[in-house]
């Protein structure tokens, strides 16, 4: 499952309609973006390849080669390459070798980059909000423009993001995301109510890379 087909066409339509409905009550602008991963995590591939290759090499050496160091070292090197290839192509396995803090920081940085790449900072009142979903890490980051932060703290956005993350893990990504968009809309409507002349400034379709 990749970012392009994570949500079905019907789910994408539901997310779009929810976003449009929310934005009829507020000057706030909401966008949703989904990516396969936030970082290549090459260190996870290398570290995992070294560990698994070494463990298998050690087992083989102990069982068949009388603990020979001259067998263990070259066999570890040979086994490193297929294990790294397996880890690189298996997201669930790769995830095991990524440090939790590395995941958090990578998703945060990628969300910030996406906010500027997609021009989400260009709203007139700086009231853009991005729901950023990174599939490999199964993490969500909710990022807001400076106008939002004058009224709503990042802790509140993190709490909303955690709800979506949990929904993804439980297989209810679309349902939970739509509820989170609605909750965000309520807060935006409270602090940034709709005024005459407002226009839809951000895309309502689910964005990908």
Foldseek 3Di string as FASTA:
>chain_A
DFQVPPDPPVLLVVQLVLQVVLVVWFLAHEAEEEGQALDLPLVLLQVQLLVVLLVVLQVCCVVPVVRDPVSRVVSSVVSSVVSSVVLSPDLVNSLVSDDPVNRVVSQVVSVVVVCVVQVQCPRPQQRYWYWYAHNSNLFTAIDGGPSCCVQDPRVVRRVLRVQLSVCVVVVNNSVSSSVSSNVVSVSRSVVGTDDPPRDRDHDSGHHYD
